[in-house]
Protein backbone atom coordinates (compact mmCIF):
# COMPACT_ATOMS: atom_id res chain seq x y z
CA MET A 1 56.97 109.17 114.53
CA ALA A 2 58.46 105.53 114.01
CA LYS A 3 61.94 106.90 112.86
CA SER A 4 64.72 105.26 114.61
CA TYR A 5 67.70 106.69 115.91
CA ARG A 6 70.14 103.95 115.78
CA TRP A 7 73.75 105.26 114.59
CA ALA A 8 75.32 104.38 111.43
CA ILE A 9 79.00 105.24 111.23
CA PRO A 10 80.06 105.42 107.52
CA ALA A 11 82.28 103.19 105.71
CA ALA A 12 84.05 106.15 103.60
CA THR A 13 84.90 107.70 107.29
CA VAL A 14 87.10 105.06 108.11
CA LEU A 15 88.65 104.88 104.81
CA ALA A 16 89.05 108.44 105.02
CA LEU A 17 90.87 107.83 108.09
CA PHE A 18 93.43 105.10 106.97
CA LEU A 19 94.34 107.50 104.01
CA LEU A 20 95.34 110.41 106.33
CA ALA A 21 97.37 108.17 108.44
CA SER A 22 99.01 106.45 105.76
CA GLY A 23 100.83 109.61 105.03
CA ALA A 24 102.06 110.17 108.64
CA MET A 25 103.30 106.56 108.64
CA ALA A 26 105.47 107.31 105.70
CA GLN A 27 107.13 109.91 107.94
CA GLY A 28 107.63 107.41 111.10
CA PRO A 29 106.78 108.70 114.77
CA ALA A 30 107.35 112.57 115.52
CA SER A 31 109.82 111.50 118.20
CA PRO A 32 112.84 109.45 116.69
CA VAL A 33 113.66 105.85 117.87
CA ARG A 34 117.15 104.61 117.70
CA THR A 35 117.50 102.21 114.86
CA ALA A 36 119.52 99.22 115.41
CA ALA A 37 121.70 97.24 112.92
CA PRO A 38 119.25 95.34 110.44
CA ALA A 39 119.50 91.59 111.54
CA ARG A 40 121.64 89.02 109.23
CA ASN A 41 119.45 88.16 106.40
CA ALA A 42 116.36 90.03 107.28
CA PRO A 43 113.81 90.65 104.61
CA MET A 44 113.55 93.97 103.51
CA ILE A 45 109.81 93.60 102.90
CA VAL A 46 107.18 92.41 105.34
CA LEU A 47 103.30 91.83 105.49
CA LEU A 48 100.69 93.20 107.52
CA ASP A 49 97.02 92.64 107.94
CA VAL A 50 95.59 95.75 109.45
CA LYS A 51 92.21 94.37 109.37
CA ARG A 52 93.02 91.38 111.30
CA VAL A 53 95.41 93.36 113.92
CA PHE A 54 92.11 95.67 114.72
CA ALA A 55 90.06 92.50 115.09
CA GLY A 56 92.20 91.23 117.93
CA TYR A 57 93.32 94.14 119.44
CA ASN A 58 92.11 94.45 122.71
CA THR A 59 92.07 97.77 123.97
CA LEU A 60 90.44 99.08 120.77
CA LEU A 61 87.44 96.20 121.46
CA ARG A 62 87.10 97.52 124.59
CA ASN A 63 86.55 101.41 123.01
CA LYS A 64 84.23 99.78 120.76
CA ALA A 65 82.14 98.25 123.30
CA ASP A 66 82.39 101.23 125.56
CA LEU A 67 81.21 103.74 122.45
CA GLU A 68 78.25 101.08 121.52
CA ALA A 69 76.94 101.15 125.28
CA SER A 70 77.05 104.68 124.88
CA MET A 71 75.06 104.84 121.62
CA GLU A 72 72.59 102.62 123.14
CA GLN A 73 71.93 104.95 125.80
CA ALA A 74 71.71 107.96 124.20
CA ASP A 75 69.16 105.61 121.49
CA ALA A 76 67.16 105.15 124.20
CA THR A 77 67.03 108.67 125.57
CA LEU A 78 66.14 109.69 121.87
CA ARG A 79 63.35 107.13 121.74
CA ALA A 80 61.78 107.97 125.21
CA GLU A 81 61.85 111.87 124.08
CA GLN A 82 59.84 110.51 120.90
CA GLU A 83 57.10 108.48 122.58
CA ASN A 84 56.61 111.60 124.92
CA ILE A 85 55.53 113.83 121.84
CA ARG A 86 53.62 110.84 120.49
CA ARG A 87 51.56 111.18 123.67
CA LEU A 88 51.25 114.85 123.58
CA ALA A 89 49.85 114.30 119.54
CA GLU A 90 47.35 111.94 121.28
CA GLN A 91 46.68 114.39 123.56
CA ILE A 92 46.18 117.70 121.88
CA LYS A 93 43.16 115.53 120.03
CA GLU A 94 41.08 116.01 123.39
CA HIS A 95 41.20 120.22 122.63
CA LYS A 96 39.24 122.02 120.01
CA ILE A 97 41.37 123.00 116.97
CA GLY A 98 42.27 126.32 117.16
CA SER A 99 41.44 127.01 121.10
CA VAL A 100 44.01 128.53 123.63
CA ASP A 101 45.08 124.98 124.73
CA TYR A 102 45.70 123.74 121.40
CA LYS A 103 47.63 125.96 120.15
CA ARG A 104 49.34 126.01 123.23
CA ARG A 105 49.95 121.92 123.09
CA GLU A 106 50.77 122.35 119.33
CA LEU A 107 53.36 124.77 119.98
CA GLU A 108 55.15 122.68 122.58
CA ILE A 109 54.84 119.47 120.18
CA ASN A 110 56.76 121.49 117.48
CA ARG A 111 59.15 122.95 119.67
CA ARG A 112 60.31 119.51 121.02
CA ALA A 113 59.90 117.77 117.75
CA THR A 114 62.67 120.22 116.78
CA GLU A 115 64.76 120.05 119.21
CA LEU A 116 65.15 116.15 119.37
CA LYS A 117 65.87 116.10 115.51
CA VAL A 118 68.59 118.50 116.39
CA THR A 119 69.64 116.50 119.07
CA ALA A 120 69.79 113.22 116.93
CA LYS A 121 71.80 115.13 114.48
CA GLN A 122 74.45 116.14 117.04
CA GLN A 123 74.77 113.04 118.47
CA GLN A 124 74.99 111.10 115.29
CA GLU A 125 78.31 113.78 114.31
CA GLN A 126 79.55 113.07 117.94
CA PHE A 127 79.62 109.80 117.82
CA ILE A 128 81.36 109.35 114.70
CA MET A 129 84.09 111.60 115.55
CA ALA A 130 84.25 109.38 118.54
CA ASP A 131 84.75 106.37 116.23
CA VAL A 132 87.02 108.08 114.09
CA GLN A 133 89.43 109.33 117.00
CA MET A 134 89.19 105.83 118.34
CA LEU A 135 90.40 104.44 115.06
CA HIS A 136 92.91 106.82 114.66
CA GLN A 137 94.34 106.30 117.94
CA ALA A 138 94.09 102.57 117.13
CA TYR A 139 96.14 102.95 114.11
CA THR A 140 98.64 105.45 115.48
CA GLU A 141 99.55 102.83 118.35
CA MET A 142 99.86 99.93 115.27
CA GLN A 143 102.23 102.76 113.90
CA ARG A 144 104.16 102.95 116.71
CA VAL A 145 104.99 99.15 117.32
CA VAL A 146 105.65 98.65 113.65
CA TYR A 147 107.71 101.44 113.26
CA THR A 148 109.63 99.89 116.22
CA TYR A 149 109.73 96.72 115.26
CA CYS A 150 110.94 97.58 111.27
CA THR A 151 113.72 99.60 112.66
CA THR A 152 114.79 97.17 115.01
CA ASN A 153 114.94 94.25 112.52
CA GLY A 154 116.32 96.35 109.33
CA ILE A 155 112.75 96.32 107.30
CA ALA A 156 112.33 98.62 105.11
CA ILE A 157 109.00 98.56 103.33
CA VAL A 158 105.48 97.10 105.24
CA LEU A 159 103.13 96.53 102.58
CA SER A 160 99.10 96.06 103.65
CA MET A 161 97.56 92.84 103.11
CA GLN A 162 93.50 92.75 101.92
CA GLY A 163 90.92 89.64 102.15
CA GLU A 164 93.43 87.25 103.23
CA GLY A 165 90.76 85.20 104.91
CA VAL A 166 88.21 85.22 102.37
CA LYS A 167 87.82 82.36 100.16
CA PHE A 168 85.99 81.36 97.26
CA ASP A 169 82.07 80.31 97.87
CA PRO A 170 79.94 80.03 94.66
CA THR A 171 77.05 80.96 96.68
CA LYS A 172 78.38 84.42 97.32
CA PRO A 173 79.78 85.90 94.03
CA GLN A 174 81.09 88.87 95.90
CA THR A 175 83.93 86.35 97.07
CA ILE A 176 85.56 86.29 93.96
CA GLN A 177 85.53 89.99 93.48
CA ILE A 178 87.41 90.28 96.70
CA ILE A 179 89.64 87.38 95.70
CA LEU A 180 90.04 88.92 92.22
CA GLY A 181 90.95 92.01 93.68
CA LYS A 182 93.71 91.20 96.00
CA PRO A 183 97.10 92.95 95.22
CA LEU A 184 98.91 89.85 96.72
CA ILE A 185 99.04 86.46 95.04
CA TYR A 186 101.22 84.65 96.97
CA HIS A 187 103.98 85.43 99.94
CA HIS A 188 105.69 83.42 102.27
CA PRO A 189 104.31 82.79 105.80
CA ASN A 190 107.33 84.00 107.35
CA LEU A 191 107.09 87.65 105.73
CA ASP A 192 103.75 87.81 108.08
CA ILE A 193 104.19 89.82 110.79
CA THR A 194 100.76 90.74 111.81
CA GLN A 195 100.57 88.04 114.64
CA ILE A 196 103.80 89.75 116.12
CA ILE A 197 102.42 93.37 115.57
CA LEU A 198 98.76 92.53 117.35
CA ASN A 199 100.67 90.38 120.22
CA GLU A 200 102.78 93.56 121.06
CA LEU A 201 99.90 96.10 121.12
CA ASN A 202 97.89 93.94 123.23
CA ARG A 203 101.34 93.35 125.37
CA SER A 204 102.19 97.23 125.59
CA SER A 205 98.60 98.10 126.23
CA MET A 206 98.49 95.88 129.39
CA ALA A 207 102.06 97.35 130.69
CA PRO A 208 102.75 100.96 132.08
CA ARG A 209 104.22 103.52 129.72
CA THR A 210 107.47 104.12 129.41
CA SER A 211 109.19 106.92 131.00
CA PRO A 212 110.38 109.98 129.07
CA GLY A 213 113.50 109.02 127.17
CA THR A 214 113.18 105.44 127.45
CA ASN A 215 114.27 103.62 124.10
CA PRO A 216 111.20 101.83 122.73
CA VAL A 217 112.95 99.73 120.71
CA SER A 218 113.76 97.27 123.51
CA ARG A 219 110.30 96.60 124.03
CA VAL A 220 109.41 95.09 121.15
CA PRO A 221 110.67 91.60 120.17
CA THR A 222 113.18 91.02 116.94
CA ARG A 223 111.28 88.46 114.39
CA PRO A 224 111.62 85.09 115.47
CA GLY A 225 113.07 82.63 112.32
CA VAL A 226 114.45 85.91 110.66
CA GLY A 227 116.52 84.45 107.57
CA ALA A 228 114.20 81.50 107.12
CA TYR A 229 112.43 83.32 104.39
CA PRO A 230 112.48 82.50 100.97
CA ARG A 231 115.15 83.75 98.41
């Protein structure tokens, strides 16, 4: 029984989560936030690299590390039980086939093997759900910061950037496919609010939560250099 019980979180799960969450973002947070007057000459459309935000969001990185540790521990427990079953399978050879002891050990082996399979499946499902919930929480926190930043600066639309860090590599054909599939051909650097959102996420994750009724608009800085974008 050489089967490994390492867990794998399907990419489709993450994609489904973002498709679900994107609808919620269009509606804004459940608790309305006072909208500040639009900044003078502020762009109506800005860009955000969600992948880069997630790659640098400290809270998400810590949660992922904790989840990975839990997965490693669960995997070790399953592999230990797998080894115990293997030893029982070796010991059963010491008994005559069809004897009382043989049948008793055979039943025990089958029972423990079935329980191991069920436990592995249940834990895999639990870890997948934990990963989805972790990403959903991170996405929700990002939505909150984006919404507050946009209402503060009079921004109407936030577009998601994809594959901005990918450069063409002749030895890796998939890079040209990524580049050709990018919906964004060019953008002025001042339209990219990724670092602003990431900085605020990491700052707010370290600060105590505001009390109910506190206006979160004051917690998000206005965009530096507003008005320095191309017309």
